[in-house]
Protein backbone atom coordinates (compact mmCIF):
# COMPACT_ATOMS: atom_id res chain seq x y z
CA MET A 1 -61.97 -118.83 -30.60
CA ILE A 2 -65.86 -118.90 -29.26
CA PRO A 3 -68.16 -120.08 -31.69
CA LYS A 4 -70.85 -117.74 -32.31
CA LYS A 5 -73.58 -119.87 -31.37
CA LYS A 6 -71.99 -119.53 -27.73
CA ILE A 7 -72.21 -115.90 -27.82
CA ASP A 8 -75.45 -114.36 -25.90
CA SER A 9 -75.55 -111.69 -28.48
CA THR A 10 -78.67 -109.98 -26.74
CA MET A 11 -76.26 -109.92 -23.25
CA LYS A 12 -73.62 -108.31 -25.31
CA TRP A 13 -75.80 -106.04 -27.04
CA VAL A 14 -77.19 -104.64 -23.55
CA GLU A 15 -73.37 -104.53 -22.39
CA TYR A 16 -72.33 -102.42 -25.42
CA SER A 17 -75.29 -100.24 -25.10
CA LEU A 18 -74.86 -99.32 -21.39
CA ASP A 19 -71.08 -98.72 -22.29
CA ILE A 20 -71.94 -96.21 -24.98
CA VAL A 21 -74.17 -94.38 -22.81
CA ASP A 22 -71.71 -94.21 -20.19
CA MET A 23 -68.72 -92.90 -22.97
CA GLN A 24 -71.32 -90.49 -24.05
CA LYS A 25 -71.71 -88.67 -20.42
CA MET A 26 -67.94 -89.15 -20.31
CA LEU A 27 -67.63 -87.29 -23.52
CA MET A 28 -70.05 -84.35 -22.38
CA ALA A 29 -68.25 -84.10 -18.94
CA THR A 30 -64.72 -83.68 -20.43
CA ARG A 31 -62.90 -80.45 -21.51
CA ASP A 32 -59.80 -82.24 -22.67
CA LEU A 33 -59.51 -82.58 -26.50
CA LYS A 34 -57.44 -85.34 -26.50
CA ASP A 35 -59.47 -87.40 -24.33
CA LYS A 36 -62.44 -86.13 -26.44
CA TYR A 37 -60.69 -87.71 -29.47
CA GLN A 38 -60.21 -91.03 -27.39
CA LEU A 39 -63.64 -91.46 -26.22
CA MET A 40 -65.06 -90.94 -29.83
CA ASP A 41 -62.64 -93.52 -31.08
CA LEU A 42 -63.94 -95.93 -28.38
CA LEU A 43 -67.66 -94.94 -29.15
CA GLU A 44 -67.19 -95.82 -32.85
CA ILE A 45 -66.00 -99.47 -31.94
CA ALA A 46 -68.68 -99.95 -29.12
CA GLU A 47 -71.14 -98.97 -31.66
CA ARG A 48 -69.63 -101.38 -34.36
CA LYS A 49 -69.61 -104.27 -32.06
CA LYS A 50 -73.25 -103.47 -30.86
CA LYS A 51 -74.44 -103.40 -34.50
CA TRP A 52 -72.45 -106.70 -35.06
CA HIS A 53 -74.50 -108.50 -32.39
CA TYR A 54 -77.82 -106.83 -33.46
CA ARG A 55 -77.41 -108.89 -36.83
CA GLN A 56 -76.95 -112.32 -35.08
CA GLU A 57 -79.44 -115.33 -35.12
CA ASN A 58 -79.71 -115.30 -31.44
CA PHE A 59 -80.34 -111.70 -30.96
CA ASP A 60 -83.63 -110.98 -29.27
CA VAL A 61 -84.93 -107.50 -29.57
CA ASN A 62 -87.50 -107.65 -27.11
CA ARG A 63 -85.50 -108.95 -24.39
CA ALA A 64 -82.68 -106.74 -25.20
CA SER A 65 -84.91 -103.63 -24.97
CA THR A 66 -86.70 -104.82 -21.65
CA LEU A 67 -83.04 -105.78 -20.35
CA LEU A 68 -81.72 -102.23 -21.24
CA GLN A 69 -84.77 -100.16 -19.98
CA ALA A 70 -84.42 -102.16 -16.81
CA MET A 71 -80.68 -101.46 -16.36
CA LEU A 72 -80.97 -97.80 -17.00
CA SER A 73 -84.00 -97.23 -14.61
CA ARG A 74 -82.18 -99.09 -12.34
CA ALA A 75 -79.10 -97.23 -12.64
CA TYR A 76 -80.95 -93.75 -12.41
CA LYS A 77 -82.74 -94.64 -9.40
CA THR A 78 -79.01 -95.79 -7.55
CA ILE A 79 -77.66 -92.53 -8.53
CA ALA A 80 -80.75 -90.27 -7.50
């Protein structure tokens, strides 16, 4: 098992945030009810993990918000 100190909670928070954004888009795009329920379960897990990383000592909110904004703006420029 990896010690909590070695986990970069800031980067993991950003990863989970990006996953949540993608899952929310998929949830809105799908019409199959079974898929929607599966996505909602996955969203719940990802949001719980994101909250856990937010509460860790090595979480840097300024770095996390900067990285998330950069990743989201980069993704939208690539798509458009």
